[in-house]
């Protein structure tokens, strides 16, 4: 199941909270970081795709 943009952002918030805990282990911190990087990349691509869709719609409206 693919996440929505909003679900990905919510998960990033959760990961940030986990990583801010003083008792987090290095392994857990690294796992959170890895997942966060993947989510950030997902969100960037989602936004890029949304931008392209909007630009395409704007071009169609110009014609």
PDB file of N, CA and C in Angstrom:
ATOM      1  N   UNK A   1       0.835  -1.187   0.000  1.00  0.00           N
ATOM      2  CA  UNK A   1       0.000   0.000   0.000  1.00  0.00           C
ATOM      3  C   UNK A   1       0.879   1.250   0.000  1.00  0.00           C
ATOM      4  N   UNK A   2       0.606   2.134  -0.934  1.00  0.00           N
ATOM      5  CA  UNK A   2       1.371   3.367  -0.993  1.00  0.00           C
ATOM      6  C   UNK A   2       0.743   4.415  -0.088  1.00  0.00           C
ATOM      7  N   UNK A   3       1.594   5.184   0.538  1.00  0.00           N
ATOM      8  CA  UNK A   3       1.130   6.233   1.439  1.00  0.00           C
ATOM      9  C   UNK A   3       0.637   7.442   0.668  1.00  0.00           C
ATOM     10  N   UNK A   4      -0.268   8.166   1.276  1.00  0.00           N
ATOM     11  CA  UNK A   4      -0.628   9.472   0.736  1.00  0.00           C
ATOM     12  C   UNK A   4       0.431  10.469   1.216  1.00  0.00           C
ATOM     13  N   UNK A   5       0.420  11.640   0.624  1.00  0.00           N
ATOM     14  CA  UNK A   5       1.350  12.685   1.048  1.00  0.00           C
ATOM     15  C   UNK A   5       1.139  13.007   2.526  1.00  0.00           C
ATOM     16  N   UNK A   6      -0.113  13.118   2.920  1.00  0.00           N
ATOM     17  CA  UNK A   6      -0.433  13.468   4.309  1.00  0.00           C
ATOM     18  C   UNK A   6       0.025  12.383   5.282  1.00  0.00           C
ATOM     19  N   UNK A   7      -0.125  11.126   4.892  1.00  0.00           N
ATOM     20  CA  UNK A   7       0.337  10.026   5.746  1.00  0.00           C
ATOM     21  C   UNK A   7       1.864  10.048   5.877  1.00  0.00           C
ATOM     22  N   UNK A   8       2.544  10.341   4.791  1.00  0.00           N
ATOM     23  CA  UNK A   8       4.004  10.411   4.819  1.00  0.00           C
ATOM     24  C   UNK A   8       4.468  11.541   5.739  1.00  0.00           C
ATOM     25  N   UNK A   9       3.796  12.689   5.658  1.00  0.00           N
ATOM     26  CA  UNK A   9       4.168  13.812   6.523  1.00  0.00           C
ATOM     27  C   UNK A   9       3.897  13.486   7.987  1.00  0.00           C
ATOM     28  N   UNK A  10       2.788  12.819   8.259  1.00  0.00           N
ATOM     29  CA  UNK A  10       2.469  12.431   9.637  1.00  0.00           C
ATOM     30  C   UNK A  10       3.524  11.467  10.173  1.00  0.00           C
ATOM     31  N   UNK A  11       3.941  10.533   9.335  1.00  0.00           N
ATOM     32  CA  UNK A  11       4.973   9.574   9.758  1.00  0.00           C
ATOM     33  C   UNK A  11       6.289  10.294  10.004  1.00  0.00           C
ATOM     34  N   UNK A  12       6.616  11.286   9.187  1.00  0.00           N
ATOM     35  CA  UNK A  12       7.828  12.072   9.425  1.00  0.00           C
ATOM     36  C   UNK A  12       7.773  12.770  10.776  1.00  0.00           C
ATOM     37  N   UNK A  13       6.599  13.285  11.128  1.00  0.00           N
ATOM     38  CA  UNK A  13       6.429  13.905  12.453  1.00  0.00           C
ATOM     39  C   UNK A  13       6.673  12.887  13.565  1.00  0.00           C
ATOM     40  N   UNK A  14       6.136  11.671  13.387  1.00  0.00           N
ATOM     41  CA  UNK A  14       6.338  10.615  14.382  1.00  0.00           C
ATOM     42  C   UNK A  14       7.827  10.276  14.524  1.00  0.00           C
ATOM     43  N   UNK A  15       8.491  10.146  13.395  1.00  0.00           N
ATOM     44  CA  UNK A  15       9.917   9.804  13.415  1.00  0.00           C
ATOM     45  C   UNK A  15      10.728  10.901  14.091  1.00  0.00           C
ATOM     46  N   UNK A  16      10.369  12.146  13.825  1.00  0.00           N
ATOM     47  CA  UNK A  16      11.072  13.265  14.457  1.00  0.00           C
ATOM     48  C   UNK A  16      10.921  13.195  15.967  1.00  0.00           C
ATOM     49  N   UNK A  17       9.706  12.923  16.423  1.00  0.00           N
ATOM     50  CA  UNK A  17       9.471  12.810  17.869  1.00  0.00           C
ATOM     51  C   UNK A  17      10.277  11.669  18.476  1.00  0.00           C
ATOM     52  N   UNK A  18      10.315  10.539  17.777  1.00  0.00           N
ATOM     53  CA  UNK A  18      11.082   9.392  18.284  1.00  0.00           C
ATOM     54  C   UNK A  18      12.563   9.725  18.378  1.00  0.00           C
ATOM     55  N   UNK A  19      13.073  10.413  17.351  1.00  0.00           N
ATOM     56  CA  UNK A  19      14.504  10.712  17.317  1.00  0.00           C
ATOM     57  C   UNK A  19      14.905  11.768  18.349  1.00  0.00           C
ATOM     58  N   UNK A  20      13.943  12.547  18.817  1.00  0.00           N
ATOM     59  CA  UNK A  20      14.231  13.565  19.820  1.00  0.00           C
ATOM     60  C   UNK A  20      14.271  13.013  21.239  1.00  0.00           C
ATOM     61  N   UNK A  21      13.825  11.777  21.420  1.00  0.00           N
ATOM     62  CA  UNK A  21      13.842  11.174  22.752  1.00  0.00           C
ATOM     63  C   UNK A  21      15.285  10.937  23.187  1.00  0.00           C
ATOM     64  N   UNK A  22      15.591  11.283  24.429  1.00  0.00           N
ATOM     65  CA  UNK A  22      16.975  11.142  24.884  1.00  0.00           C
ATOM     66  C   UNK A  22      17.435   9.692  25.055  1.00  0.00           C
ATOM     67  N   UNK A  23      16.491   8.760  25.177  1.00  0.00           N
ATOM     68  CA  UNK A  23      16.879   7.373  25.438  1.00  0.00           C
ATOM     69  C   UNK A  23      16.871   6.495  24.184  1.00  0.00           C
ATOM     70  N   UNK A  24      16.786   7.104  22.996  1.00  0.00           N
ATOM     71  CA  UNK A  24      16.759   6.313  21.773  1.00  0.00           C
ATOM     72  C   UNK A  24      18.150   5.704  21.530  1.00  0.00           C
ATOM     73  N   UNK A  25      18.158   4.463  21.104  1.00  0.00           N
ATOM     74  CA  UNK A  25      19.441   3.807  20.818  1.00  0.00           C
ATOM     75  C   UNK A  25      19.956   4.283  19.461  1.00  0.00           C
ATOM     76  N   UNK A  26      21.221   4.081  19.241  1.00  0.00           N
ATOM     77  CA  UNK A  26      21.821   4.469  17.969  1.00  0.00           C
ATOM     78  C   UNK A  26      21.184   3.690  16.825  1.00  0.00           C
ATOM     79  N   UNK A  27      20.977   2.396  17.027  1.00  0.00           N
ATOM     80  CA  UNK A  27      20.350   1.579  15.979  1.00  0.00           C
ATOM     81  C   UNK A  27      18.950   2.087  15.644  1.00  0.00           C
ATOM     82  N   UNK A  28      18.160   2.378  16.664  1.00  0.00           N
ATOM     83  CA  UNK A  28      16.814   2.891  16.426  1.00  0.00           C
ATOM     84  C   UNK A  28      16.863   4.253  15.737  1.00  0.00           C
ATOM     85  N   UNK A  29      17.798   5.069  16.158  1.00  0.00           N
ATOM     86  CA  UNK A  29      17.965   6.386  15.539  1.00  0.00           C
ATOM     87  C   UNK A  29      18.322   6.258  14.061  1.00  0.00           C
ATOM     88  N   UNK A  30      19.222   5.346  13.747  1.00  0.00           N
ATOM     89  CA  UNK A  30      19.628   5.129  12.353  1.00  0.00           C
ATOM     90  C   UNK A  30      18.464   4.591  11.522  1.00  0.00           C
ATOM     91  N   UNK A  31      17.671   3.695  12.099  1.00  0.00           N
ATOM     92  CA  UNK A  31      16.500   3.163  11.390  1.00  0.00           C
ATOM     93  C   UNK A  31      15.469   4.263  11.130  1.00  0.00           C
ATOM     94  N   UNK A  32      15.253   5.110  12.114  1.00  0.00           N
ATOM     95  CA  UNK A  32      14.339   6.237  11.943  1.00  0.00           C
ATOM     96  C   UNK A  32      14.848   7.175  10.860  1.00  0.00           C
ATOM     97  N   UNK A  33      16.141   7.440  10.892  1.00  0.00           N
ATOM     98  CA  UNK A  33      16.739   8.341   9.911  1.00  0.00           C
ATOM     99  C   UNK A  33      16.587   7.777   8.495  1.00  0.00           C
ATOM    100  N   UNK A  34      16.854   6.487   8.343  1.00  0.00           N
ATOM    101  CA  UNK A  34      16.737   5.851   7.030  1.00  0.00           C
ATOM    102  C   UNK A  34      15.303   5.959   6.508  1.00  0.00           C
ATOM    103  N   UNK A  35      14.341   5.661   7.363  1.00  0.00           N
ATOM    104  CA  UNK A  35      12.943   5.754   6.952  1.00  0.00           C
ATOM    105  C   UNK A  35      12.572   7.196   6.617  1.00  0.00           C
ATOM    106  N   UNK A  36      13.082   8.138   7.410  1.00  0.00           N
ATOM    107  CA  UNK A  36      12.788   9.550   7.172  1.00  0.00           C
ATOM    108  C   UNK A  36      13.323  10.005   5.815  1.00  0.00           C
ATOM    109  N   UNK A  37      14.511   9.577   5.471  1.00  0.00           N
ATOM    110  CA  UNK A  37      15.088   9.942   4.170  1.00  0.00           C
ATOM    111  C   UNK A  37      14.208   9.409   3.041  1.00  0.00           C
ATOM    112  N   UNK A  38      13.754   8.180   3.172  1.00  0.00           N
ATOM    113  CA  UNK A  38      12.881   7.590   2.153  1.00  0.00           C
ATOM    114  C   UNK A  38      11.568   8.372   2.050  1.00  0.00           C
ATOM    115  N   UNK A  39      11.013   8.764   3.189  1.00  0.00           N
ATOM    116  CA  UNK A  39       9.769   9.528   3.180  1.00  0.00           C
ATOM    117  C   UNK A  39       9.955  10.921   2.586  1.00  0.00           C
ATOM    118  N   UNK A  40      11.075  11.552   2.890  1.00  0.00           N
ATOM    119  CA  UNK A  40      11.362  12.872   2.320  1.00  0.00           C
ATOM    120  C   UNK A  40      11.470  12.764   0.802  1.00  0.00           C
ATOM    121  N   UNK A  41      12.148  11.746   0.320  1.00  0.00           N
ATOM    122  CA  UNK A  41      12.257  11.544  -1.129  1.00  0.00           C
ATOM    123  C   UNK A  41      10.887  11.297  -1.755  1.00  0.00           C
ATOM    124  N   UNK A  42      10.053  10.515  -1.089  1.00  0.00           N
ATOM    125  CA  UNK A  42       8.691  10.267  -1.560  1.00  0.00           C
ATOM    126  C   UNK A  42       7.913  11.585  -1.648  1.00  0.00           C
ATOM    127  N   UNK A  43       8.010  12.400  -0.614  1.00  0.00           N
ATOM    128  CA  UNK A  43       7.274  13.670  -0.584  1.00  0.00           C
ATOM    129  C   UNK A  43       7.773  14.626  -1.671  1.00  0.00           C
ATOM    130  N   UNK A  44       9.088  14.676  -1.859  1.00  0.00           N
ATOM    131  CA  UNK A  44       9.640  15.530  -2.915  1.00  0.00           C
ATOM    132  C   UNK A  44       9.107  15.116  -4.282  1.00  0.00           C
ATOM    133  N   UNK A  45       9.108  13.821  -4.561  1.00  0.00           N
ATOM    134  CA  UNK A  45       8.615  13.324  -5.841  1.00  0.00           C
ATOM    135  C   UNK A  45       7.123  13.622  -5.984  1.00  0.00           C
ATOM    136  N   UNK A  46       6.375  13.427  -4.927  1.00  0.00           N
ATOM    137  CA  UNK A  46       4.939  13.705  -4.942  1.00  0.00           C
ATOM    138  C   UNK A  46       4.682  15.169  -5.305  1.00  0.00           C
ATOM    139  N   UNK A  47       5.442  16.068  -4.672  1.00  0.00           N
ATOM    140  CA  UNK A  47       5.275  17.494  -4.949  1.00  0.00           C
ATOM    141  C   UNK A  47       5.709  17.853  -6.366  1.00  0.00           C
ATOM    142  N   UNK A  48       6.782  17.247  -6.839  1.00  0.00           N
ATOM    143  CA  UNK A  48       7.230  17.485  -8.213  1.00  0.00           C
ATOM    144  C   UNK A  48       6.170  17.029  -9.207  1.00  0.00           C
ATOM    145  N   UNK A  49       5.593  15.859  -8.963  1.00  0.00           N
ATOM    146  CA  UNK A  49       4.535  15.347  -9.836  1.00  0.00           C
ATOM    147  C   UNK A  49       3.302  16.251  -9.807  1.00  0.00           C
ATOM    148  N   UNK A  50       2.964  16.742  -8.628  1.00  0.00           N
ATOM    149  CA  UNK A  50       1.811  17.645  -8.503  1.00  0.00           C
ATOM    150  C   UNK A  50       2.069  18.939  -9.269  1.00  0.00           C
ATOM    151  N   UNK A  51       3.283  19.454  -9.179  1.00  0.00           N
ATOM    152  CA  UNK A  51       3.651  20.677  -9.896  1.00  0.00           C
ATOM    153  C   UNK A  51       3.526  20.462 -11.401  1.00  0.00           C
ATOM    154  N   UNK A  52       4.028  19.330 -11.891  1.00  0.00           N
ATOM    155  CA  UNK A  52       3.927  19.030 -13.317  1.00  0.00           C
ATOM    156  C   UNK A  52       2.474  18.916 -13.762  1.00  0.00           C
ATOM    157  N   UNK A  53       1.650  18.330 -12.935  1.00  0.00           N
ATOM    158  CA  UNK A  53       0.220  18.211 -13.260  1.00  0.00           C
ATOM    159  C   UNK A  53      -0.437  19.577 -13.355  1.00  0.00           C
ATOM    160  N   UNK A  54      -0.114  20.453 -12.427  1.00  0.00           N
ATOM    161  CA  UNK A  54      -0.678  21.805 -12.443  1.00  0.00           C
ATOM    162  C   UNK A  54      -0.202  22.554 -13.684  1.00  0.00           C
ATOM    163  N   UNK A  55       1.086  22.433 -14.008  1.00  0.00           N
ATOM    164  CA  UNK A  55       1.619  23.106 -15.195  1.00  0.00           C
ATOM    165  C   UNK A  55       0.940  22.583 -16.462  1.00  0.00           C
ATOM    166  N   UNK A  56       0.690  21.287 -16.515  1.00  0.00           N
ATOM    167  CA  UNK A  56       0.022  20.696 -17.672  1.00  0.00           C
ATOM    168  C   UNK A  56      -1.402  21.247 -17.798  1.00  0.00           C
ATOM    169  N   UNK A  57      -2.101  21.332 -16.690  1.00  0.00           N
ATOM    170  CA  UNK A  57      -3.455  21.885 -16.698  1.00  0.00           C
ATOM    171  C   UNK A  57      -3.459  23.351 -17.123  1.00  0.00           C
ATOM    172  N   UNK A  58      -2.475  24.098 -16.658  1.00  0.00           N
ATOM    173  CA  UNK A  58      -2.397  25.498 -17.033  1.00  0.00           C
ATOM    174  C   UNK A  58      -2.149  25.655 -18.529  1.00  0.00           C
ATOM    175  N   UNK A  59      -1.293  24.790 -19.095  1.00  0.00           N
ATOM    176  CA  UNK A  59      -1.031  24.835 -20.531  1.00  0.00           C
ATOM    177  C   UNK A  59      -2.299  24.505 -21.311  1.00  0.00           C
ATOM    178  N   UNK A  60      -3.064  23.540 -20.833  1.00  0.00           N
ATOM    179  CA  UNK A  60      -4.320  23.167 -21.512  1.00  0.00           C
ATOM    180  C   UNK A  60      -5.304  24.329 -21.482  1.00  0.00           C
ATOM    181  N   UNK A  61      -5.331  25.080 -20.398  1.00  0.00           N
ATOM    182  CA  UNK A  61      -6.252  26.206 -20.284  1.00  0.00           C
ATOM    183  C   UNK A  61      -5.840  27.363 -21.175  1.00  0.00           C
ATOM    184  N   UNK A  62      -4.559  27.451 -21.513  1.00  0.00           N
ATOM    185  CA  UNK A  62      -4.075  28.518 -22.382  1.00  0.00           C
ATOM    186  C   UNK A  62      -4.567  28.327 -23.812  1.00  0.00           C
ATOM    187  N   UNK A  63      -4.792  27.097 -24.203  1.00  0.00           N
ATOM    188  CA  UNK A  63      -5.181  26.801 -25.598  1.00  0.00           C
ATOM    189  C   UNK A  63      -6.631  26.913 -25.817  1.00  0.00           C
TER     190      UNK A  63
END
